[in-house]
Amino acid sequence: EAGVAVTPGLDFDPLRGGGTLRFSYARATADIAEGLDRL
């Protein structure tokens, strides 16, 4: 719906990760700003 790829927390914690997300900000600043607007 937003065109933003984020990582489910289940990758990192099979027990509690259903309630978490990981956001990476390793890309260009313009992409991060656009991603936050979309979110």
PDB file of all heavy atoms in Angstrom:
ATOM      1  N   GLU A   1       0.797  -1.223   0.000  1.00  0.00           N
ATOM      2  CA  GLU A   1       0.000   0.000   0.000  1.00  0.00           C
ATOM      3  C   GLU A   1       0.833   1.277   0.000  1.00  0.00           C
ATOM      4  O   GLU A   1       0.402   2.305  -0.529  1.00  0.00           O
ATOM      5  CB  GLU A   1      -0.939  -0.001   1.212  1.00  0.00           C
ATOM      6  CG  GLU A   1      -1.933  -1.155   1.195  1.00  0.00           C
ATOM      7  CD  GLU A   1      -2.787  -1.228   2.458  1.00  0.00           C
ATOM      8  OE1 GLU A   1      -3.063  -0.153   3.052  1.00  0.00           O
ATOM      9  OE2 GLU A   1      -3.158  -2.344   2.873  1.00  0.00           O
ATOM     10  N   ALA A   2       2.028   1.232   0.608  1.00  0.00           N
ATOM     11  CA  ALA A   2       2.838   2.444   0.717  1.00  0.00           C
ATOM     12  C   ALA A   2       4.088   2.409  -0.157  1.00  0.00           C
ATOM     13  O   ALA A   2       4.724   3.442  -0.362  1.00  0.00           O
ATOM     14  CB  ALA A   2       3.250   2.664   2.177  1.00  0.00           C
ATOM     15  N   GLY A   3       4.445   1.231  -0.644  1.00  0.00           N
ATOM     16  CA  GLY A   3       5.653   1.130  -1.445  1.00  0.00           C
ATOM     17  C   GLY A   3       6.914   1.297  -0.630  1.00  0.00           C
ATOM     18  O   GLY A   3       7.939   1.784  -1.130  1.00  0.00           O
ATOM     19  N   VAL A   4       6.856   0.891   0.639  1.00  0.00           N
ATOM     20  CA  VAL A   4       8.027   0.926   1.520  1.00  0.00           C
ATOM     21  C   VAL A   4       8.287  -0.490   2.011  1.00  0.00           C
ATOM     22  O   VAL A   4       7.393  -1.139   2.562  1.00  0.00           O
ATOM     23  CB  VAL A   4       7.815   1.874   2.725  1.00  0.00           C
ATOM     24  CG1 VAL A   4       9.055   1.879   3.622  1.00  0.00           C
ATOM     25  CG2 VAL A   4       7.496   3.286   2.247  1.00  0.00           C
ATOM     26  N   ALA A   5       9.506  -0.974   1.809  1.00  0.00           N
ATOM     27  CA  ALA A   5       9.882  -2.311   2.265  1.00  0.00           C
ATOM     28  C   ALA A   5      10.506  -2.205   3.650  1.00  0.00           C
ATOM     29  O   ALA A   5      11.489  -1.482   3.837  1.00  0.00           O
ATOM     30  CB  ALA A   5      10.858  -2.952   1.279  1.00  0.00           C
ATOM     31  N   VAL A   6       9.922  -2.896   4.623  1.00  0.00           N
ATOM     32  CA  VAL A   6      10.452  -2.949   5.989  1.00  0.00           C
ATOM     33  C   VAL A   6      10.510  -4.412   6.405  1.00  0.00           C
ATOM     34  O   VAL A   6       9.914  -5.284   5.771  1.00  0.00           O
ATOM     35  CB  VAL A   6       9.583  -2.134   6.972  1.00  0.00           C
ATOM     36  CG1 VAL A   6       9.507  -0.679   6.540  1.00  0.00           C
ATOM     37  CG2 VAL A   6       8.183  -2.725   7.097  1.00  0.00           C
ATOM     38  N   THR A   7      11.230  -4.688   7.497  1.00  0.00           N
ATOM     39  CA  THR A   7      11.463  -6.075   7.890  1.00  0.00           C
ATOM     40  C   THR A   7      10.628  -6.457   9.100  1.00  0.00           C
ATOM     41  O   THR A   7      10.672  -5.767  10.127  1.00  0.00           O
ATOM     42  CB  THR A   7      12.947  -6.302   8.222  1.00  0.00           C
ATOM     43  OG1 THR A   7      13.735  -5.878   7.116  1.00  0.00           O
ATOM     44  CG2 THR A   7      13.221  -7.770   8.502  1.00  0.00           C
ATOM     45  N   PRO A   8       9.873  -7.560   9.024  1.00  0.00           N
ATOM     46  CA  PRO A   8       9.121  -8.025  10.188  1.00  0.00           C
ATOM     47  C   PRO A   8      10.053  -8.454  11.310  1.00  0.00           C
ATOM     48  O   PRO A   8      11.103  -9.053  11.076  1.00  0.00           O
ATOM     49  CB  PRO A   8       8.344  -9.237   9.645  1.00  0.00           C
ATOM     50  CG  PRO A   8       8.454  -9.183   8.166  1.00  0.00           C
ATOM     51  CD  PRO A   8       9.693  -8.429   7.850  1.00  0.00           C
ATOM     52  N   GLY A   9       9.662  -8.173  12.536  1.00  0.00           N
ATOM     53  CA  GLY A   9      10.472  -8.569  13.675  1.00  0.00           C
ATOM     54  C   GLY A   9      10.594 -10.060  13.870  1.00  0.00           C
ATOM     55  O   GLY A   9      11.478 -10.521  14.598  1.00  0.00           O
ATOM     56  N   LEU A  10       9.732 -10.834  13.229  1.00  0.00           N
ATOM     57  CA  LEU A  10       9.810 -12.296  13.341  1.00  0.00           C
ATOM     58  C   LEU A  10      11.159 -12.821  12.873  1.00  0.00           C
ATOM     59  O   LEU A  10      11.586 -13.900  13.288  1.00  0.00           O
ATOM     60  CB  LEU A  10       8.690 -12.951  12.526  1.00  0.00           C
ATOM     61  CG  LEU A  10       7.289 -12.845  13.122  1.00  0.00           C
ATOM     62  CD1 LEU A  10       6.238 -13.264  12.089  1.00  0.00           C
ATOM     63  CD2 LEU A  10       7.173 -13.700  14.374  1.00  0.00           C
ATOM     64  N   ASP A  11      11.833 -12.095  11.999  1.00  0.00           N
ATOM     65  CA  ASP A  11      13.164 -12.491  11.563  1.00  0.00           C
ATOM     66  C   ASP A  11      14.122 -12.565  12.752  1.00  0.00           C
ATOM     67  O   ASP A  11      14.997 -13.420  12.806  1.00  0.00           O
ATOM     68  CB  ASP A  11      13.707 -11.471  10.556  1.00  0.00           C
ATOM     69  CG  ASP A  11      14.227 -12.122   9.282  1.00  0.00           C
ATOM     70  OD1 ASP A  11      14.204 -13.355   9.178  1.00  0.00           O
ATOM     71  OD2 ASP A  11      14.654 -11.382   8.382  1.00  0.00           O
ATOM     72  N   PHE A  12      13.949 -11.662  13.712  1.00  0.00           N
ATOM     73  CA  PHE A  12      14.929 -11.469  14.774  1.00  0.00           C
ATOM     74  C   PHE A  12      14.525 -12.091  16.104  1.00  0.00           C
ATOM     75  O   PHE A  12      15.384 -12.335  16.953  1.00  0.00           O
ATOM     76  CB  PHE A  12      15.166  -9.962  14.969  1.00  0.00           C
ATOM     77  CG  PHE A  12      15.392  -9.232  13.680  1.00  0.00           C
ATOM     78  CD1 PHE A  12      14.392  -8.460  13.110  1.00  0.00           C
ATOM     79  CD2 PHE A  12      16.596  -9.356  13.000  1.00  0.00           C
ATOM     80  CE1 PHE A  12      14.582  -7.808  11.907  1.00  0.00           C
ATOM     81  CE2 PHE A  12      16.797  -8.707  11.792  1.00  0.00           C
ATOM     82  CZ  PHE A  12      15.796  -7.941  11.245  1.00  0.00           C
ATOM     83  N   ASP A  13      13.242 -12.332  16.266  1.00  0.00           N
ATOM     84  CA  ASP A  13      12.732 -12.865  17.529  1.00  0.00           C
ATOM     85  C   ASP A  13      11.461 -13.659  17.244  1.00  0.00           C
ATOM     86  O   ASP A  13      10.373 -13.087  17.176  1.00  0.00           O
ATOM     87  CB  ASP A  13      12.452 -11.706  18.495  1.00  0.00           C
ATOM     88  CG  ASP A  13      12.102 -12.172  19.899  1.00  0.00           C
ATOM     89  OD1 ASP A  13      11.741 -13.357  20.063  1.00  0.00           O
ATOM     90  OD2 ASP A  13      12.198 -11.353  20.832  1.00  0.00           O
ATOM     91  N   PRO A  14      11.580 -14.989  17.067  1.00  0.00           N
ATOM     92  CA  PRO A  14      10.403 -15.785  16.714  1.00  0.00           C
ATOM     93  C   PRO A  14       9.288 -15.741  17.761  1.00  0.00           C
ATOM     94  O   PRO A  14       8.123 -15.931  17.420  1.00  0.00           O
ATOM     95  CB  PRO A  14      10.960 -17.207  16.580  1.00  0.00           C
ATOM     96  CG  PRO A  14      12.403 -17.023  16.268  1.00  0.00           C
ATOM     97  CD  PRO A  14      12.817 -15.786  17.031  1.00  0.00           C
ATOM     98  N   LEU A  15       9.632 -15.465  19.023  1.00  0.00           N
ATOM     99  CA  LEU A  15       8.615 -15.450  20.078  1.00  0.00           C
ATOM    100  C   LEU A  15       7.890 -14.117  20.167  1.00  0.00           C
ATOM    101  O   LEU A  15       6.666 -14.072  20.282  1.00  0.00           O
ATOM    102  CB  LEU A  15       9.251 -15.782  21.427  1.00  0.00           C
ATOM    103  CG  LEU A  15       9.766 -17.214  21.607  1.00  0.00           C
ATOM    104  CD1 LEU A  15      10.323 -17.400  23.012  1.00  0.00           C
ATOM    105  CD2 LEU A  15       8.661 -18.226  21.351  1.00  0.00           C
ATOM    106  N   ARG A  16       8.623 -13.020  20.113  1.00  0.00           N
ATOM    107  CA  ARG A  16       8.010 -11.705  20.322  1.00  0.00           C
ATOM    108  C   ARG A  16       7.975 -10.848  19.071  1.00  0.00           C
ATOM    109  O   ARG A  16       7.406  -9.749  19.075  1.00  0.00           O
ATOM    110  CB  ARG A  16       8.777 -10.946  21.419  1.00  0.00           C
ATOM    111  CG  ARG A  16       8.754 -11.639  22.780  1.00  0.00           C
ATOM    112  CD  ARG A  16       9.625 -10.900  23.794  1.00  0.00           C
ATOM    113  NE  ARG A  16      11.039 -10.951  23.431  1.00  0.00           N
ATOM    114  CZ  ARG A  16      12.006 -10.364  24.127  1.00  0.00           C
ATOM    115  NH1 ARG A  16      11.724  -9.685  25.211  1.00  0.00           N
ATOM    116  NH2 ARG A  16      13.271 -10.457  23.730  1.00  0.00           N
ATOM    117  N   GLY A  17       8.574 -11.339  17.985  1.00  0.00           N
ATOM    118  CA  GLY A  17       8.733 -10.519  16.799  1.00  0.00           C
ATOM    119  C   GLY A  17       7.474 -10.254  16.015  1.00  0.00           C
ATOM    120  O   GLY A  17       7.484  -9.431  15.097  1.00  0.00           O
ATOM    121  N   GLY A  18       6.373 -10.919  16.364  1.00  0.00           N
ATOM    122  CA  GLY A  18       5.103 -10.610  15.708  1.00  0.00           C
ATOM    123  C   GLY A  18       4.626  -9.207  15.999  1.00  0.00           C
ATOM    124  O   GLY A  18       3.757  -8.688  15.292  1.00  0.00           O
ATOM    125  N   GLY A  19       5.205  -8.591  17.018  1.00  0.00           N
ATOM    126  CA  GLY A  19       4.803  -7.238  17.396  1.00  0.00           C
ATOM    127  C   GLY A  19       5.888  -6.203  17.199  1.00  0.00           C
ATOM    128  O   GLY A  19       5.851  -5.144  17.840  1.00  0.00           O
ATOM    129  N   THR A  20       6.867  -6.473  16.307  1.00  0.00           N
ATOM    130  CA  THR A  20       7.937  -5.514  16.069  1.00  0.00           C
ATOM    131  C   THR A  20       8.256  -5.411  14.581  1.00  0.00           C
ATOM    132  O   THR A  20       8.012  -6.344  13.810  1.00  0.00           O
ATOM    133  CB  THR A  20       9.234  -5.894  16.822  1.00  0.00           C
ATOM    134  OG1 THR A  20       9.642  -7.206  16.428  1.00  0.00           O
ATOM    135  CG2 THR A  20       9.024  -5.855  18.339  1.00  0.00           C
ATOM    136  N   LEU A  21       8.838  -4.276  14.205  1.00  0.00           N
ATOM    137  CA  LEU A  21       9.355  -4.050  12.856  1.00  0.00           C
ATOM    138  C   LEU A  21      10.753  -3.462  12.966  1.00  0.00           C
ATOM    139  O   LEU A  21      11.059  -2.745  13.916  1.00  0.00           O
ATOM    140  CB  LEU A  21       8.484  -3.060  12.074  1.00  0.00           C
ATOM    141  CG  LEU A  21       7.064  -3.464  11.686  1.00  0.00           C
ATOM    142  CD1 LEU A  21       6.364  -2.266  11.033  1.00  0.00           C
ATOM    143  CD2 LEU A  21       7.054  -4.655  10.749  1.00  0.00           C
ATOM    144  N   ARG A  22      11.596  -3.758  11.961  1.00  0.00           N
ATOM    145  CA  ARG A  22      12.886  -3.101  11.862  1.00  0.00           C
ATOM    146  C   ARG A  22      12.897  -2.204  10.645  1.00  0.00           C
ATOM    147  O   ARG A  22      12.546  -2.622   9.544  1.00  0.00           O
ATOM    148  CB  ARG A  22      14.025  -4.124  11.740  1.00  0.00           C
ATOM    149  CG  ARG A  22      15.414  -3.461  11.802  1.00  0.00           C
ATOM    150  CD  ARG A  22      16.517  -4.402  11.352  1.00  0.00           C
ATOM    151  NE  ARG A  22      16.504  -4.603   9.905  1.00  0.00           N
ATOM    152  CZ  ARG A  22      17.418  -5.311   9.234  1.00  0.00           C
ATOM    153  NH1 ARG A  22      18.402  -5.899   9.887  1.00  0.00           N
ATOM    154  NH2 ARG A  22      17.333  -5.441   7.919  1.00  0.00           N
ATOM    155  N   PHE A  23      13.315  -0.961  10.856  1.00  0.00           N
ATOM    156  CA  PHE A  23      13.473   0.011   9.782  1.00  0.00           C
ATOM    157  C   PHE A  23      14.962   0.265   9.581  1.00  0.00           C
ATOM    158  O   PHE A  23      15.660   0.635  10.521  1.00  0.00           O
ATOM    159  CB  PHE A  23      12.788   1.328  10.135  1.00  0.00           C
ATOM    160  CG  PHE A  23      11.309   1.237  10.375  1.00  0.00           C
ATOM    161  CD1 PHE A  23      10.811   0.928  11.628  1.00  0.00           C
ATOM    162  CD2 PHE A  23      10.413   1.461   9.336  1.00  0.00           C
ATOM    163  CE1 PHE A  23       9.448   0.850  11.861  1.00  0.00           C
ATOM    164  CE2 PHE A  23       9.048   1.381   9.552  1.00  0.00           C
ATOM    165  CZ  PHE A  23       8.557   1.072  10.821  1.00  0.00           C
ATOM    166  N   SER A  24      15.450   0.089   8.359  1.00  0.00           N
ATOM    167  CA  SER A  24      16.836   0.417   8.030  1.00  0.00           C
ATOM    168  C   SER A  24      16.901   1.811   7.424  1.00  0.00           C
ATOM    169  O   SER A  24      16.045   2.192   6.625  1.00  0.00           O
ATOM    170  CB  SER A  24      17.393  -0.604   7.030  1.00  0.00           C
ATOM    171  OG  SER A  24      18.660  -0.188   6.548  1.00  0.00           O
ATOM    172  N   TYR A  25      17.934   2.560   7.827  1.00  0.00           N
ATOM    173  CA  TYR A  25      18.114   3.891   7.230  1.00  0.00           C
ATOM    174  C   TYR A  25      19.489   4.006   6.584  1.00  0.00           C
ATOM    175  O   TYR A  25      20.152   5.042   6.640  1.00  0.00           O
ATOM    176  CB  TYR A  25      17.879   4.999   8.267  1.00  0.00           C
ATOM    177  CG  TYR A  25      18.701   4.929   9.540  1.00  0.00           C
ATOM    178  CD1 TYR A  25      19.958   5.523   9.623  1.00  0.00           C
ATOM    179  CD2 TYR A  25      18.202   4.295  10.670  1.00  0.00           C
ATOM    180  CE1 TYR A  25      20.698   5.491  10.794  1.00  0.00           C
ATOM    181  CE2 TYR A  25      18.936   4.255  11.860  1.00  0.00           C
ATOM    182  CZ  TYR A  25      20.180   4.854  11.910  1.00  0.00           C
ATOM    183  OH  TYR A  25      20.906   4.822  13.072  1.00  0.00           O
ATOM    184  N   ALA A  26      19.889   2.931   5.897  1.00  0.00           N
ATOM    185  CA  ALA A  26      21.217   2.893   5.275  1.00  0.00           C
ATOM    186  C   ALA A  26      21.262   3.563   3.904  1.00  0.00           C
ATOM    187  O   ALA A  26      22.344   3.776   3.373  1.00  0.00           O
ATOM    188  CB  ALA A  26      21.669   1.434   5.147  1.00  0.00           C
ATOM    189  N   ARG A  27      20.123   3.885   3.344  1.00  0.00           N
ATOM    190  CA  ARG A  27      20.092   4.414   1.977  1.00  0.00           C
ATOM    191  C   ARG A  27      20.241   5.933   1.950  1.00  0.00           C
ATOM    192  O   ARG A  27      20.462   6.577   2.968  1.00  0.00           O
ATOM    193  CB  ARG A  27      18.782   3.977   1.303  1.00  0.00           C
ATOM    194  CG  ARG A  27      18.636   2.458   1.126  1.00  0.00           C
ATOM    195  CD  ARG A  27      19.748   1.874   0.274  1.00  0.00           C
ATOM    196  NE  ARG A  27      19.599   0.451   0.061  1.00  0.00           N
ATOM    197  CZ  ARG A  27      19.143  -0.105  -1.059  1.00  0.00           C
ATOM    198  NH1 ARG A  27      18.786   0.653  -2.076  1.00  0.00           N
ATOM    199  NH2 ARG A  27      19.053  -1.420  -1.172  1.00  0.00           N
ATOM    200  N   ALA A  28      20.066   6.503   0.785  1.00  0.00           N
ATOM    201  CA  ALA A  28      20.228   7.944   0.598  1.00  0.00           C
ATOM    202  C   ALA A  28      19.212   8.718   1.435  1.00  0.00           C
ATOM    203  O   ALA A  28      18.078   8.261   1.650  1.00  0.00           O
ATOM    204  CB  ALA A  28      20.078   8.305  -0.879  1.00  0.00           C
ATOM    205  N   THR A  29      19.587   9.904   1.871  1.00  0.00           N
ATOM    206  CA  THR A  29      18.720  10.708   2.737  1.00  0.00           C
ATOM    207  C   THR A  29      17.400  11.041   2.058  1.00  0.00           C
ATOM    208  O   THR A  29      16.344  11.035   2.705  1.00  0.00           O
ATOM    209  CB  THR A  29      19.461  11.990   3.156  1.00  0.00           C
ATOM    210  OG1 THR A  29      20.635  11.620   3.890  1.00  0.00           O
ATOM    211  CG2 THR A  29      18.585  12.879   4.025  1.00  0.00           C
ATOM    212  N   ALA A  30      17.432  11.311   0.766  1.00  0.00           N
ATOM    213  CA  ALA A  30      16.182  11.621   0.051  1.00  0.00           C
ATOM    214  C   ALA A  30      15.226  10.434   0.108  1.00  0.00           C
ATOM    215  O   ALA A  30      14.009  10.615   0.235  1.00  0.00           O
ATOM    216  CB  ALA A  30      16.489  12.000  -1.393  1.00  0.00           C
ATOM    217  N   ASP A  31      15.752   9.217   0.010  1.00  0.00           N
ATOM    218  CA  ASP A  31      14.903   8.032   0.110  1.00  0.00           C
ATOM    219  C   ASP A  31      14.296   7.903   1.496  1.00  0.00           C
ATOM    220  O   ASP A  31      13.119   7.537   1.653  1.00  0.00           O
ATOM    221  CB  ASP A  31      15.711   6.771  -0.209  1.00  0.00           C
ATOM    222  CG  ASP A  31      16.016   6.608  -1.682  1.00  0.00           C
ATOM    223  OD1 ASP A  31      15.397   7.315  -2.502  1.00  0.00           O
ATOM    224  OD2 ASP A  31      16.887   5.780  -2.017  1.00  0.00           O
ATOM    225  N   ILE A  32      15.084   8.180   2.522  1.00  0.00           N
ATOM    226  CA  ILE A  32      14.582   8.077   3.895  1.00  0.00           C
ATOM    227  C   ILE A  32      13.459   9.084   4.120  1.00  0.00           C
ATOM    228  O   ILE A  32      12.409   8.760   4.693  1.00  0.00           O
ATOM    229  CB  ILE A  32      15.722   8.287   4.913  1.00  0.00           C
ATOM    230  CG1 ILE A  32      16.824   7.231   4.712  1.00  0.00           C
ATOM    231  CG2 ILE A  32      15.187   8.247   6.337  1.00  0.00           C
ATOM    232  CD1 ILE A  32      16.349   5.802   4.755  1.00  0.00           C
ATOM    233  N   ALA A  33      13.660  10.305   3.650  1.00  0.00           N
ATOM    234  CA  ALA A  33      12.626  11.330   3.807  1.00  0.00           C
ATOM    235  C   ALA A  33      11.342  10.924   3.081  1.00  0.00           C
ATOM    236  O   ALA A  33      10.233  11.047   3.623  1.00  0.00           O
ATOM    237  CB  ALA A  33      13.133  12.679   3.295  1.00  0.00           C
ATOM    238  N   GLU A  34      11.475  10.411   1.855  1.00  0.00           N
ATOM    239  CA  GLU A  34      10.305   9.970   1.094  1.00  0.00           C
ATOM    240  C   GLU A  34       9.632   8.789   1.782  1.00  0.00           C
ATOM    241  O   GLU A  34       8.400   8.708   1.863  1.00  0.00           O
ATOM    242  CB  GLU A  34      10.729   9.593  -0.326  1.00  0.00           C
ATOM    243  CG  GLU A  34       9.638   8.935  -1.173  1.00  0.00           C
ATOM    244  CD  GLU A  34       8.457   9.844  -1.473  1.00  0.00           C
ATOM    245  OE1 GLU A  34       8.602  11.069  -1.348  1.00  0.00           O
ATOM    246  OE2 GLU A  34       7.384   9.310  -1.826  1.00  0.00           O
ATOM    247  N   GLY A  35      10.431   7.852   2.289  1.00  0.00           N
ATOM    248  CA  GLY A  35       9.866   6.700   2.979  1.00  0.00           C
ATOM    249  C   GLY A  35       9.064   7.092   4.198  1.00  0.00           C
ATOM    250  O   GLY A  35       7.979   6.547   4.459  1.00  0.00           O
ATOM    251  N   LEU A  36       9.562   8.054   4.952  1.00  0.00           N
ATOM    252  CA  LEU A  36       8.833   8.510   6.142  1.00  0.00           C
ATOM    253  C   LEU A  36       7.520   9.176   5.745  1.00  0.00           C
ATOM    254  O   LEU A  36       6.494   8.992   6.416  1.00  0.00           O
ATOM    255  CB  LEU A  36       9.716   9.469   6.938  1.00  0.00           C
ATOM    256  CG  LEU A  36      10.885   8.820   7.682  1.00  0.00           C
ATOM    257  CD1 LEU A  36      11.872   9.874   8.167  1.00  0.00           C
ATOM    258  CD2 LEU A  36      10.388   7.973   8.858  1.00  0.00           C
ATOM    259  N   ASP A  37       7.526   9.951   4.662  1.00  0.00           N
ATOM    260  CA  ASP A  37       6.275  10.555   4.177  1.00  0.00           C
ATOM    261  C   ASP A  37       5.266   9.475   3.797  1.00  0.00           C
ATOM    262  O   ASP A  37       4.073   9.577   4.121  1.00  0.00           O
ATOM    263  CB  ASP A  37       6.557  11.447   2.969  1.00  0.00           C
ATOM    264  CG  ASP A  37       7.245  12.755   3.343  1.00  0.00           C
ATOM    265  OD1 ASP A  37       7.240  13.113   4.532  1.00  0.00           O
ATOM    266  OD2 ASP A  37       7.797  13.414   2.434  1.00  0.00           O
ATOM    267  N   ARG A  38       5.744   8.451   3.112  1.00  0.00           N
ATOM    268  CA  ARG A  38       4.838   7.370   2.703  1.00  0.00           C
ATOM    269  C   ARG A  38       4.296   6.620   3.916  1.00  0.00           C
ATOM    270  O   ARG A  38       3.110   6.239   3.941  1.00  0.00           O
ATOM    271  CB  ARG A  38       5.568   6.405   1.778  1.00  0.00           C
ATOM    272  CG  ARG A  38       5.946   6.977   0.426  1.00  0.00           C
ATOM    273  CD  ARG A  38       6.538   5.890  -0.458  1.00  0.00           C
ATOM    274  NE  ARG A  38       7.046   6.418  -1.711  1.00  0.00           N
ATOM    275  CZ  ARG A  38       7.443   5.663  -2.740  1.00  0.00           C
ATOM    276  NH1 ARG A  38       7.403   4.331  -2.622  1.00  0.00           N
ATOM    277  NH2 ARG A  38       7.887   6.205  -3.852  1.00  0.00           N
ATOM    278  N   LEU A  39       5.149   6.378   4.898  1.00  0.00           N
ATOM    279  CA  LEU A  39       4.689   5.686   6.107  1.00  0.00           C
ATOM    280  C   LEU A  39       3.635   6.507   6.827  1.00  0.00           C
ATOM    281  O   LEU A  39       2.636   5.968   7.337  1.00  0.00           O
ATOM    282  CB  LEU A  39       5.874   5.424   7.038  1.00  0.00           C
ATOM    283  CG  LEU A  39       6.857   4.345   6.592  1.00  0.00           C
ATOM    284  CD1 LEU A  39       8.103   4.373   7.472  1.00  0.00           C
ATOM    285  CD2 LEU A  39       6.228   2.954   6.630  1.00  0.00           C
TER     286      LEU A  39
END
